[in-house]
C-alpha atoms as a PDB file:
ATOM      1  CA  MET A   1     -15.948  -8.536 135.973  1.00  0.00           C
ATOM      2  CA  GLU A   2     -16.800  -7.241 132.513  1.00  0.00           C
ATOM      3  CA  VAL A   3     -17.604  -3.596 131.914  1.00  0.00           C
ATOM      4  CA  MET A   4     -21.234  -2.953 130.979  1.00  0.00           C
ATOM      5  CA  LEU A   5     -21.425  -2.032 127.301  1.00  0.00           C
ATOM      6  CA  ARG A   6     -24.013   0.424 125.993  1.00  0.00           C
ATOM      7  CA  CYS A   7     -25.250  -0.468 122.513  1.00  0.00           C
ATOM      8  CA  LEU A   8     -27.315   1.203 119.777  1.00  0.00           C
ATOM      9  CA  ILE A   9     -28.900  -1.172 117.239  1.00  0.00           C
ATOM     10  CA  VAL A  10     -29.884   0.067 113.773  1.00  0.00           C
ATOM     11  CA  ASP A  11     -32.132  -2.275 111.784  1.00  0.00           C
ATOM     12  CA  ASP A  12     -35.343  -1.885 109.802  1.00  0.00           C
ATOM     13  CA  SER A  13     -36.886  -5.086 111.231  1.00  0.00           C
ATOM     14  CA  PRO A  14     -38.920  -4.449 114.407  1.00  0.00           C
ATOM     15  CA  HIS A  15     -38.828  -8.205 115.107  1.00  0.00           C
ATOM     16  CA  PHE A  16     -35.017  -8.348 114.951  1.00  0.00           C
ATOM     17  CA  LEU A  17     -34.695  -5.232 117.126  1.00  0.00           C
ATOM     18  CA  LYS A  18     -36.866  -6.841 119.798  1.00  0.00           C
ATOM     19  CA  VAL A  19     -35.029 -10.185 119.678  1.00  0.00           C
ATOM     20  CA  ALA A  20     -31.567  -8.559 119.661  1.00  0.00           C
ATOM     21  CA  ARG A  21     -32.448  -6.254 122.558  1.00  0.00           C
ATOM     22  CA  THR A  22     -33.652  -9.217 124.636  1.00  0.00           C
ATOM     23  CA  LEU A  23     -30.694 -11.436 123.703  1.00  0.00           C
ATOM     24  CA  LEU A  24     -27.991  -8.853 124.335  1.00  0.00           C
ATOM     25  CA  GLY A  25     -29.686  -7.574 127.490  1.00  0.00           C
ATOM     26  CA  GLY A  26     -29.664 -11.100 128.877  1.00  0.00           C
ATOM     27  CA  GLU A  27     -25.938 -11.336 128.131  1.00  0.00           C
ATOM     28  CA  GLY A  28     -24.939  -8.116 129.880  1.00  0.00           C
ATOM     29  CA  ILE A  29     -25.095  -5.522 127.109  1.00  0.00           C
ATOM     30  CA  THR A  30     -27.435  -2.590 127.704  1.00  0.00           C
ATOM     31  CA  VAL A  31     -29.295  -1.618 124.539  1.00  0.00           C
ATOM     32  CA  VAL A  32     -29.657   2.132 125.060  1.00  0.00           C
ATOM     33  CA  GLY A  33     -31.477   2.721 121.794  1.00  0.00           C
ATOM     34  CA  VAL A  34     -32.819   1.245 118.595  1.00  0.00           C
ATOM     35  CA  ALA A  35     -33.280   2.966 115.250  1.00  0.00           C
ATOM     36  CA  SER A  36     -34.765   1.906 111.939  1.00  0.00           C
ATOM     37  CA  THR A  37     -33.472   4.749 109.722  1.00  0.00           C
ATOM     38  CA  GLY A  38     -30.185   6.506 109.200  1.00  0.00           C
ATOM     39  CA  ALA A  39     -31.505   9.855 110.428  1.00  0.00           C
ATOM     40  CA  GLU A  40     -32.837   8.268 113.611  1.00  0.00           C
ATOM     41  CA  ALA A  41     -29.535   6.420 114.131  1.00  0.00           C
ATOM     42  CA  LEU A  42     -27.455   9.589 113.769  1.00  0.00           C
ATOM     43  CA  ARG A  43     -29.664  11.497 116.202  1.00  0.00           C
ATOM     44  CA  GLN A  44     -29.502   8.693 118.772  1.00  0.00           C
ATOM     45  CA  ALA A  45     -25.755   8.145 118.364  1.00  0.00           C
ATOM     46  CA  ILE A  46     -25.118  11.831 119.116  1.00  0.00           C
ATOM     47  CA  GLU A  47     -27.664  11.973 121.938  1.00  0.00           C
ATOM     48  CA  LEU A  48     -27.008   8.610 123.643  1.00  0.00           C
ATOM     49  CA  ARG A  49     -23.246   8.191 123.055  1.00  0.00           C
ATOM     50  CA  PRO A  50     -23.301   4.362 122.938  1.00  0.00           C
ATOM     51  CA  ASP A  51     -20.119   2.300 123.370  1.00  0.00           C
ATOM     52  CA  VAL A  52     -20.869   0.358 120.169  1.00  0.00           C
ATOM     53  CA  THR A  53     -23.342   0.626 117.293  1.00  0.00           C
ATOM     54  CA  LEU A  54     -24.672  -2.395 115.386  1.00  0.00           C
ATOM     55  CA  VAL A  55     -25.762  -1.418 111.859  1.00  0.00           C
ATOM     56  CA  ASP A  56     -27.690  -3.633 109.446  1.00  0.00           C
ATOM     57  CA  ILE A  57     -26.051  -3.694 106.022  1.00  0.00           C
ATOM     58  CA  ASN A  58     -29.416  -3.370 104.268  1.00  0.00           C
ATOM     59  CA  LEU A  59     -31.684  -0.801 105.910  1.00  0.00           C
ATOM     60  CA  GLY A  60     -34.574  -1.060 103.482  1.00  0.00           C
ATOM     61  CA  GLY A  61     -33.863   1.739 101.017  1.00  0.00           C
ATOM     62  CA  GLU A  62     -30.702   2.866 102.812  1.00  0.00           C
ATOM     63  CA  SER A  63     -27.164   1.498 102.823  1.00  0.00           C
ATOM     64  CA  GLY A  64     -25.790   0.462 106.192  1.00  0.00           C
ATOM     65  CA  PHE A  65     -22.294   1.096 104.827  1.00  0.00           C
ATOM     66  CA  GLU A  66     -23.213   4.671 103.972  1.00  0.00           C
ATOM     67  CA  LEU A  67     -24.669   5.091 107.463  1.00  0.00           C
ATOM     68  CA  ALA A  68     -21.497   3.676 109.071  1.00  0.00           C
ATOM     69  CA  GLY A  69     -19.498   6.338 107.229  1.00  0.00           C
ATOM     70  CA  ARG A  70     -21.898   9.085 108.282  1.00  0.00           C
ATOM     71  CA  LEU A  71     -21.770   7.899 111.910  1.00  0.00           C
ATOM     72  CA  ALA A  72     -17.984   8.091 111.864  1.00  0.00           C
ATOM     73  CA  TRP A  73     -17.991  11.496 110.162  1.00  0.00           C
ATOM     74  CA  GLU A  74     -20.855  13.229 111.978  1.00  0.00           C
ATOM     75  CA  THR A  75     -20.084  12.060 115.509  1.00  0.00           C
ATOM     76  CA  GLY A  76     -16.438  13.126 115.232  1.00  0.00           C
ATOM     77  CA  ASP A  77     -13.609  11.767 117.327  1.00  0.00           C
ATOM     78  CA  ALA A  78     -16.039  10.373 119.896  1.00  0.00           C
ATOM     79  CA  HIS A  79     -17.777   8.080 117.423  1.00  0.00           C
ATOM     80  CA  PRO A  80     -18.471   4.613 118.789  1.00  0.00           C
ATOM     81  CA  PRO A  81     -17.110   1.550 117.001  1.00  0.00           C
ATOM     82  CA  THR A  82     -19.563   0.260 114.412  1.00  0.00           C
ATOM     83  CA  ILE A  83     -20.189  -3.426 113.755  1.00  0.00           C
ATOM     84  CA  MET A  84     -22.042  -4.375 110.589  1.00  0.00           C
ATOM     85  CA  ILE A  85     -24.780  -7.032 110.889  1.00  0.00           C
ATOM     86  CA  SER A  86     -26.730  -8.983 108.276  1.00  0.00           C
ATOM     87  CA  THR A  87     -28.541 -12.207 107.526  1.00  0.00           C
ATOM     88  CA  GLN A  88     -26.280 -12.504 104.455  1.00  0.00           C
ATOM     89  CA  ALA A  89     -22.896 -14.217 104.606  1.00  0.00           C
ATOM     90  CA  GLU A  90     -19.872 -12.077 105.490  1.00  0.00           C
ATOM     91  CA  GLU A  91     -18.137 -13.225 102.294  1.00  0.00           C
ATOM     92  CA  ASP A  92     -20.855 -11.475 100.253  1.00  0.00           C
ATOM     93  CA  TYR A  93     -19.707  -8.133 101.676  1.00  0.00           C
ATOM     94  CA  ALA A  94     -16.063  -8.752 102.646  1.00  0.00           C
ATOM     95  CA  GLU A  95     -14.609  -5.996 100.443  1.00  0.00           C
ATOM     96  CA  LEU A  96     -17.236  -3.447 101.486  1.00  0.00           C
ATOM     97  CA  ILE A  97     -16.748  -4.295 105.171  1.00  0.00           C
ATOM     98  CA  ALA A  98     -12.971  -3.941 104.836  1.00  0.00           C
ATOM     99  CA  ALA A  99     -13.361  -0.562 103.083  1.00  0.00           C
ATOM    100  CA  SER A 100     -15.849   0.757 105.653  1.00  0.00           C
ATOM    101  CA  PRO A 101     -15.115   2.355 109.025  1.00  0.00           C
ATOM    102  CA  ALA A 102     -16.752  -0.688 110.683  1.00  0.00           C
ATOM    103  CA  VAL A 103     -14.594  -2.713 113.062  1.00  0.00           C
ATOM    104  CA  GLY A 104     -16.115  -5.978 111.894  1.00  0.00           C
ATOM    105  CA  PHE A 105     -19.152  -8.036 110.979  1.00  0.00           C
ATOM    106  CA  VAL A 106     -21.521 -10.311 112.866  1.00  0.00           C
ATOM    107  CA  SER A 107     -24.141 -12.535 111.287  1.00  0.00           C
ATOM    108  CA  LYS A 108     -27.539 -11.902 112.846  1.00  0.00           C
ATOM    109  CA  THR A 109     -27.843 -15.624 113.552  1.00  0.00           C
ATOM    110  CA  ALA A 110     -24.544 -15.600 115.499  1.00  0.00           C
ATOM    111  CA  LEU A 111     -25.156 -12.375 117.421  1.00  0.00           C
ATOM    112  CA  SER A 112     -23.921 -12.553 120.999  1.00  0.00           C
ATOM    113  CA  ALA A 113     -22.317 -10.351 123.629  1.00  0.00           C
ATOM    114  CA  ARG A 114     -19.161 -12.490 123.443  1.00  0.00           C
ATOM    115  CA  ILE A 115     -18.709 -11.862 119.699  1.00  0.00           C
ATOM    116  CA  ILE A 116     -19.285  -8.123 120.134  1.00  0.00           C
ATOM    117  CA  ARG A 117     -16.780  -7.977 123.010  1.00  0.00           C
ATOM    118  CA  ASP A 118     -14.237 -10.014 121.010  1.00  0.00           C
ATOM    119  CA  LEU A 119     -14.491  -7.586 118.068  1.00  0.00           C
ATOM    120  CA  LEU A 120     -14.129  -4.584 120.378  1.00  0.00           C
ATOM    121  CA  ASP A 121     -11.164  -6.191 122.163  1.00  0.00           C
ATOM    122  CA  GLY A 122      -9.517  -6.618 118.759  1.00  0.00           C
ATOM    123  CA  VAL A 123      -9.953  -2.893 118.126  1.00  0.00           C
ATOM    124  CA  SER A 124      -8.379  -1.900 121.438  1.00  0.00           C
ATOM    125  CA  GLU A 125      -5.405  -4.149 120.629  1.00  0.00           C
ATOM    126  CA  ASN A 126      -5.155  -2.683 117.090  1.00  0.00           C
ATOM    127  CA  PRO A 127      -6.265   0.953 117.458  1.00  0.00           C
ATOM    128  CA  GLY A 128      -5.715   1.808 113.792  1.00  0.00           C
ATOM    129  CA  ARG A 129      -9.078   0.262 112.807  1.00  0.00           C
END
């Protein structure tokens, strides 16, 4: 039996937040919070202590990469793994993803509990990331 994962989703699209919450909830991931700005995401990450945070690369006027760095820095040693998400192709951001504290990338169109769990399993097998 798989452990229930608690997830925070950060995206500036209310439609995507609703769809992702429903999709992941149906696949066994509890979405404990959603945020549409960096400030909101930081507050919720500290307050809710999710097991994983999904962060959109383009948060309107904010950079998801910058937010991923702030999440890692401001939540300290207990920071949850961050997975970058986008409608853009991973290749468009490969260097930025590799340089970020994110554990990986998932296309919004391919989002699933299985992909999230696979990325997190890769982190537990390679704890340096």
